[in-house]
Amino acid sequence: MNPQEISIPVPWGHIAAKLWTTPQRKSDGHDERVMCLHGYQDNCASFDCLIPVLDGDRTYLCFDWPNHGGSSATPLGARWTMENYALTIKRVADHVQWLSPFVCLGHSMGGQVAKLFAAVYPEYVSRLVLLDTAGPVAMYPEEITWSARRAADELLRLENRMTASTTDGGHLSPAYAYPEALDRVRQRHYGPLDDESARKLMTRYFRPGPTGEYRLANNVRLSVPYSQWFSGAQHWDVVSKVRCPTLLIRASDSDSYYIDVYDVFVEMYERNPHFRTVMVDGNHDVHMNNPRAVAMFINKFLNKLCKL
C-alpha cells in the first residue's frame, strides 16, 4: 500500500491526512474502512510501521490532530478540548463521505477520543480498537477550580508570548540540528522508540528550516496542562455507551499507566461486556516498536476471529 497525502478543509485551516489504499478489493465491492487516531503530541506517521502489516483489503485513513504535525493550528484564544477532538473525527468522516459505520483505531489519547466519539456517535463506529489507552484522568470535584486556574494561567502566558513573538511565526520553538532532533523524537516518556519508528515520526514531528535546522511542528500550546474535568461517574456514562465490539491492546510495560493513573478505567472496561482486553510485550509505543505483534490481534479482531 502506498499512502496518499490529502488535505481536509476545516473552518480554521486544514487537516493533514494520509489515505492508505490497495488495488485489492473485497469480492462484494465494499471495503472496510479504518480511521487511525494518533496519540498526544505524536502525528499520523506513528502508524507508518503498523498499517503495512495489517490486512491489505481495507482502507486506512490517518490524520494529524489540529495543532499537531502538518495540520493547521487552532486560533489563539480558543481552548481545544476532548469534545473538539471528537468533533474533528466527525468533520473528517463527513468530508471523505464515510457515512456508514467504520472502524476507529486509536493510540493513547487517540483512543480516548475514539471512545468518546463511539459513545456520542454510535452509528458511525462499527468496531473500536484501543492501543494502550485509558483515561482521560478522572477528576474529583474539589480539583476542578485548581485545574481550571492552572490551565488558564498557562494558556494565557503562552498566547501572550506567541502574540509578542516574531520568531518562527510566533511558535516559539527552538531550533535543533538533525541528530539532536532525531534523539528528541527517540526518547519517550514511557520508553524509547527504535530508530525506524523515530525516523518515520520525525517526518511530521519537525519542520526543516532554510539553513538545515529543525523546529517542532506541534503548536506550543499543547504543553498546557489539560484534563477533561469529568468525574468517574461521568466517565462511566461514556464507557457504558460504547456498544460496538471493542478491543483494548495493553502493553506489558504499562502497568503503572493503568494501575496508578487510570485504575478507574480498568474496572469500567471489565464491566462493559463489549470490551475484550489482550496483552502484548512492549512499552506504550509497542504499535511502532513491534507492529507485527499488535497487528496479529487487530487482524483477528477485525476479521471477527476474536469473539467477545
Protein backbone atom coordinates (compact mmCIF):
# COMPACT_ATOMS: atom_id res chain seq x y z
CA MET A 1 0.00 0.00 0.00
CA ASN A 2 1.22 3.47 -0.88
CA PRO A 3 -0.25 6.30 1.19
CA GLN A 4 -1.61 9.41 -0.49
CA GLU A 5 -1.29 12.76 1.24
CA ILE A 6 -4.60 14.61 1.34
CA SER A 7 -5.76 17.90 2.86
CA ILE A 8 -9.15 18.20 4.54
CA PRO A 9 -10.59 21.72 4.90
CA VAL A 10 -11.85 22.86 8.30
CA PRO A 11 -13.08 26.32 9.38
CA TRP A 12 -9.69 27.31 10.84
CA GLY A 13 -7.49 25.86 8.06
CA HIS A 14 -6.88 22.25 7.10
CA ILE A 15 -6.31 18.75 8.47
CA ALA A 16 -3.24 16.99 7.02
CA ALA A 17 -4.01 13.32 6.36
CA LYS A 18 -2.71 10.14 4.74
CA LEU A 19 -5.00 7.74 2.89
CA TRP A 20 -3.78 4.15 2.57
CA THR A 21 -5.48 2.08 -0.14
CA THR A 22 -4.70 -1.09 -2.07
CA PRO A 23 -5.63 -2.38 -5.51
CA GLN A 24 -7.16 -5.44 -3.82
CA ARG A 25 -10.87 -5.27 -3.20
CA LYS A 26 -13.33 -7.44 -1.34
CA SER A 27 -15.47 -9.64 -3.56
CA ASP A 28 -18.63 -7.74 -2.61
CA GLY A 29 -17.02 -4.43 -3.58
CA HIS A 30 -17.32 -2.96 -0.10
CA ASP A 31 -14.03 -2.22 1.60
CA GLU A 32 -13.85 -1.97 5.35
CA ARG A 33 -12.53 1.43 6.40
CA VAL A 34 -10.34 2.16 9.40
CA MET A 35 -9.73 5.64 10.83
CA CYS A 36 -6.42 5.76 12.73
CA LEU A 37 -6.04 8.31 15.53
CA HIS A 38 -2.61 9.09 16.94
CA GLY A 39 -1.61 9.98 20.48
CA TYR A 40 -0.93 13.26 22.23
CA GLN A 41 1.90 15.28 20.63
CA ASP A 42 2.51 12.50 18.06
CA ASN A 43 1.34 12.56 14.44
CA CYS A 44 -0.18 10.21 11.90
CA ALA A 45 3.25 8.84 10.93
CA SER A 46 3.02 6.84 14.16
CA PHE A 47 1.02 4.31 12.11
CA ASP A 48 3.57 4.06 9.26
CA CYS A 49 5.02 0.81 10.65
CA LEU A 50 1.69 -0.74 11.67
CA ILE A 51 -0.52 -0.25 8.61
CA PRO A 52 1.74 -2.16 6.17
CA VAL A 53 1.41 -5.29 8.33
CA LEU A 54 -2.37 -5.01 8.74
CA ASP A 55 -4.65 -6.78 6.29
CA GLY A 56 -4.39 -5.02 2.95
CA ASP A 57 -8.00 -5.30 1.80
CA ARG A 58 -9.01 -2.34 3.95
CA THR A 59 -8.76 1.42 3.52
CA TYR A 60 -6.89 3.26 6.27
CA LEU A 61 -7.17 6.98 6.90
CA CYS A 62 -4.75 8.66 9.32
CA PHE A 63 -4.59 12.36 10.08
CA ASP A 64 -2.70 14.81 12.25
CA TRP A 65 -4.87 16.22 15.02
CA PRO A 66 -5.31 20.02 14.97
CA ASN A 67 -2.19 21.73 16.38
CA HIS A 68 -0.17 18.59 15.54
CA GLY A 69 2.17 17.75 12.67
CA GLY A 70 1.09 19.21 9.32
CA SER A 71 -2.42 20.26 10.41
CA SER A 72 -3.36 23.87 10.99
CA ALA A 73 -3.14 25.39 14.43
CA THR A 74 -6.40 26.46 16.02
CA PRO A 75 -6.95 30.21 16.57
CA LEU A 76 -5.41 31.94 19.55
CA GLY A 77 -7.97 32.38 22.29
CA ALA A 78 -9.64 29.02 21.60
CA ARG A 79 -9.29 26.25 24.18
CA TRP A 80 -9.10 22.86 22.46
CA THR A 81 -10.99 20.20 24.40
CA MET A 82 -11.68 16.48 24.11
CA GLU A 83 -15.07 17.30 22.60
CA ASN A 84 -13.29 19.35 19.90
CA TYR A 85 -11.07 16.38 19.10
CA ALA A 86 -14.12 14.09 18.83
CA LEU A 87 -15.86 16.59 16.57
CA THR A 88 -12.74 16.57 14.35
CA ILE A 89 -13.40 12.88 13.64
CA LYS A 90 -16.93 13.81 12.52
CA ARG A 91 -15.60 16.61 10.30
CA VAL A 92 -13.09 14.27 8.65
CA ALA A 93 -15.61 11.46 8.19
CA ASP A 94 -18.15 13.81 6.64
CA HIS A 95 -15.57 15.28 4.26
CA VAL A 96 -14.39 11.90 2.94
CA GLN A 97 -18.02 10.68 2.97
CA TRP A 98 -17.54 7.84 5.41
CA LEU A 99 -21.22 7.98 6.24
CA SER A 100 -21.68 4.29 7.07
CA PRO A 101 -20.03 2.64 10.10
CA PHE A 102 -16.22 2.40 10.11
CA VAL A 103 -13.55 1.15 12.50
CA CYS A 104 -11.86 3.60 14.87
CA LEU A 105 -8.31 2.64 15.88
CA GLY A 106 -6.71 4.96 18.41
CA HIS A 107 -3.45 5.04 20.34
CA SER A 108 -3.26 6.63 23.79
CA MET A 109 -5.09 9.99 23.56
CA GLY A 110 -6.39 8.94 20.13
CA GLY A 111 -8.06 6.00 21.82
CA GLN A 112 -9.59 8.29 24.45
CA VAL A 113 -11.10 10.44 21.71
CA ALA A 114 -12.24 7.39 19.71
CA LYS A 115 -14.04 6.07 22.79
CA LEU A 116 -15.85 9.38 23.30
CA PHE A 117 -16.75 9.55 19.60
CA ALA A 118 -18.10 5.98 19.66
CA ALA A 119 -20.29 6.88 22.65
CA VAL A 120 -21.59 10.14 21.16
CA TYR A 121 -21.92 8.93 17.54
CA PRO A 122 -22.50 5.16 17.88
CA GLU A 123 -23.99 4.91 14.39
CA TYR A 124 -20.59 5.83 12.90
CA VAL A 125 -18.43 3.20 14.62
CA SER A 126 -18.60 -0.50 13.75
CA ARG A 127 -15.63 -1.60 15.86
CA LEU A 128 -13.22 0.08 18.22
CA VAL A 129 -9.53 -0.73 18.72
CA LEU A 130 -7.74 0.96 21.65
CA LEU A 131 -3.94 0.77 21.63
CA ASP A 132 -2.62 1.06 25.19
CA THR A 133 -5.18 3.66 26.10
CA ALA A 134 -7.42 4.60 29.01
CA GLY A 135 -8.49 7.90 30.51
CA PRO A 136 -8.61 10.83 30.44
CA VAL A 137 -7.76 11.13 34.12
CA ALA A 138 -10.87 11.18 36.31
CA MET A 139 -11.26 14.40 38.28
CA TYR A 140 -12.57 14.89 41.80
CA PRO A 141 -14.97 17.83 42.24
CA GLU A 142 -12.60 19.59 44.65
CA GLU A 143 -9.85 19.62 41.98
CA ILE A 144 -11.77 21.39 39.21
CA THR A 145 -11.18 25.02 40.19
CA TRP A 146 -7.48 24.40 40.83
CA SER A 147 -7.09 22.62 37.48
CA ALA A 148 -9.03 25.31 35.62
CA ARG A 149 -6.86 28.09 37.10
CA ARG A 150 -3.62 26.27 36.30
CA ALA A 151 -4.66 25.64 32.69
CA ALA A 152 -5.99 29.17 32.18
CA ASP A 153 -2.85 30.85 33.52
CA GLU A 154 -0.54 28.70 31.39
CA LEU A 155 -2.64 29.21 28.25
CA LEU A 156 -2.67 32.99 28.70
CA ARG A 157 1.08 33.04 29.33
CA LEU A 158 1.85 31.11 26.13
CA GLU A 159 -0.61 33.03 23.97
CA ASN A 160 0.82 36.34 25.17
CA ARG A 161 4.31 35.14 24.26
CA MET A 162 3.09 33.92 20.85
CA THR A 163 1.40 37.23 20.14
CA ALA A 164 4.52 39.17 21.06
CA SER A 165 6.98 36.87 19.27
CA THR A 166 8.03 37.29 15.66
CA THR A 167 10.38 34.29 15.70
CA ASP A 168 9.25 31.30 13.64
CA GLY A 169 5.80 32.77 13.10
CA GLY A 170 5.19 33.03 16.82
CA HIS A 171 5.62 29.32 17.52
CA LEU A 172 8.47 29.91 19.99
CA SER A 173 10.01 26.56 19.07
CA PRO A 174 13.79 26.16 19.46
CA ALA A 175 16.00 25.02 16.59
CA TYR A 176 17.75 21.64 16.56
CA ALA A 177 20.38 20.01 14.39
CA TYR A 178 19.26 16.73 12.79
CA PRO A 179 20.94 14.32 15.27
CA GLU A 180 19.58 16.26 18.23
CA ALA A 181 16.11 16.42 16.69
CA LEU A 182 16.07 12.68 15.99
CA ASP A 183 17.20 11.93 19.53
CA ARG A 184 14.39 14.12 20.88
CA VAL A 185 11.87 12.02 18.95
CA ARG A 186 13.51 8.73 20.00
CA GLN A 187 13.44 9.45 23.75
CA ARG A 188 9.90 8.96 25.03
CA HIS A 189 8.35 9.27 28.49
CA TYR A 190 7.20 5.64 28.53
CA GLY A 191 10.29 4.15 26.86
CA PRO A 192 12.41 4.80 23.75
CA LEU A 193 11.42 4.32 20.12
CA ASP A 194 13.50 2.20 17.80
CA ASP A 195 15.40 4.05 15.04
CA GLU A 196 12.99 3.23 12.19
CA SER A 197 9.93 4.42 14.11
CA ALA A 198 11.71 7.56 15.28
CA ARG A 199 12.70 8.49 11.73
CA LYS A 200 9.14 7.99 10.47
CA LEU A 201 7.62 10.02 13.29
CA MET A 202 10.18 12.76 12.73
CA THR A 203 8.91 13.44 9.19
CA ARG A 204 5.91 15.24 10.69
CA TYR A 205 7.24 15.98 14.17
CA PHE A 206 9.66 18.65 12.93
CA ARG A 207 9.69 21.17 10.13
CA PRO A 208 13.07 21.68 8.41
CA GLY A 209 14.26 25.26 8.16
CA PRO A 210 16.11 27.07 5.35
CA THR A 211 19.53 26.62 6.94
CA GLY A 212 19.16 22.94 7.88
CA GLU A 213 17.72 23.47 11.34
CA TYR A 214 14.64 21.61 12.62
CA ARG A 215 11.80 23.17 14.59
CA LEU A 216 8.90 21.42 16.32
CA ALA A 217 5.79 21.23 14.14
CA ASN A 218 3.38 20.84 17.06
CA ASN A 219 1.84 24.01 18.43
CA VAL A 220 3.44 25.15 21.68
CA ARG A 221 0.01 25.40 23.37
CA LEU A 222 -0.14 21.59 23.52
CA SER A 223 2.04 21.86 26.62
CA VAL A 224 -0.81 23.46 28.58
CA PRO A 225 -1.97 21.15 31.41
CA TYR A 226 -5.30 19.68 30.46
CA SER A 227 -7.99 17.43 31.87
CA GLN A 228 -11.49 16.74 30.61
CA TRP A 229 -12.78 17.56 34.10
CA PHE A 230 -15.05 14.52 34.12
CA SER A 231 -15.72 12.62 37.33
CA GLY A 232 -15.52 8.85 37.44
CA ALA A 233 -19.32 8.65 37.18
CA GLN A 234 -19.28 10.84 34.08
CA HIS A 235 -16.60 8.68 32.50
CA TRP A 236 -18.69 5.60 33.16
CA ASP A 237 -21.51 7.21 31.19
CA VAL A 238 -19.11 7.40 28.23
CA VAL A 239 -17.73 3.87 28.63
CA SER A 240 -21.18 2.35 29.13
CA LYS A 241 -22.42 4.00 25.93
CA VAL A 242 -19.81 2.17 23.82
CA ARG A 243 -21.96 -0.57 22.29
CA CYS A 244 -19.70 -1.79 19.47
CA PRO A 245 -17.17 -4.64 19.80
CA THR A 246 -14.05 -3.13 21.37
CA LEU A 247 -10.51 -4.48 21.60
CA LEU A 248 -8.10 -2.99 24.14
CA ILE A 249 -4.46 -3.92 23.47
CA ARG A 250 -2.38 -3.29 26.58
CA ALA A 251 1.41 -3.10 26.59
CA SER A 252 3.13 -5.26 29.19
CA ASP A 253 5.29 -2.35 30.39
CA SER A 254 2.29 -0.09 31.04
CA ASP A 255 1.03 -1.47 34.35
CA SER A 256 1.77 1.80 36.12
CA TYR A 257 -0.03 3.68 33.33
CA TYR A 258 -3.20 1.76 34.15
CA ILE A 259 -2.92 1.00 37.85
CA ASP A 260 -1.50 4.30 39.11
CA VAL A 261 -3.12 6.79 36.72
CA TYR A 262 -6.15 5.21 35.10
CA ASP A 263 -7.13 2.49 37.56
CA VAL A 264 -10.78 3.54 37.49
CA PHE A 265 -10.97 2.56 33.82
CA VAL A 266 -9.72 -0.98 34.31
CA GLU A 267 -12.84 -1.73 36.32
CA MET A 268 -15.07 0.17 33.85
CA TYR A 269 -13.80 -1.78 30.87
CA GLU A 270 -14.40 -5.04 32.71
CA ARG A 271 -17.99 -4.00 33.38
CA ASN A 272 -18.72 -3.31 29.71
CA PRO A 273 -19.48 -6.67 28.02
CA HIS A 274 -18.42 -5.32 24.63
CA PHE A 275 -14.78 -4.92 25.71
CA ARG A 276 -12.05 -7.51 25.29
CA THR A 277 -8.51 -6.94 26.62
CA VAL A 278 -5.30 -8.60 25.38
CA MET A 279 -1.67 -8.06 26.38
CA VAL A 280 1.41 -7.69 24.17
CA ASP A 281 5.06 -7.42 25.18
CA GLY A 282 6.42 -3.89 24.88
CA ASN A 283 6.09 -0.32 26.05
CA HIS A 284 3.45 2.33 25.42
CA ASP A 285 4.55 2.68 21.77
CA VAL A 286 4.52 -1.05 21.03
CA HIS A 287 2.50 -0.45 17.84
CA MET A 288 5.57 1.36 16.50
CA ASN A 289 8.36 -0.74 18.01
CA ASN A 290 6.72 -4.14 17.49
CA PRO A 291 3.92 -3.63 14.96
CA ARG A 292 3.57 -7.29 13.95
CA ALA A 293 2.67 -8.34 17.49
CA VAL A 294 -0.06 -5.70 17.56
CA ALA A 295 -1.24 -6.41 14.01
CA MET A 296 -1.85 -10.07 14.81
CA PHE A 297 -4.57 -9.16 17.31
CA ILE A 298 -6.05 -6.36 15.20
CA ASN A 299 -6.33 -8.55 12.10
CA LYS A 300 -8.03 -11.35 14.04
CA PHE A 301 -10.39 -8.90 15.71
CA LEU A 302 -11.39 -7.12 12.50
CA ASN A 303 -11.76 -10.44 10.72
CA LYS A 304 -14.15 -11.38 13.54
CA LEU A 305 -11.92 -14.23 14.70
CA CYS A 306 -11.75 -12.80 18.24
CA LYS A 307 -15.09 -13.42 19.89
CA LEU A 308 -16.01 -11.06 22.69
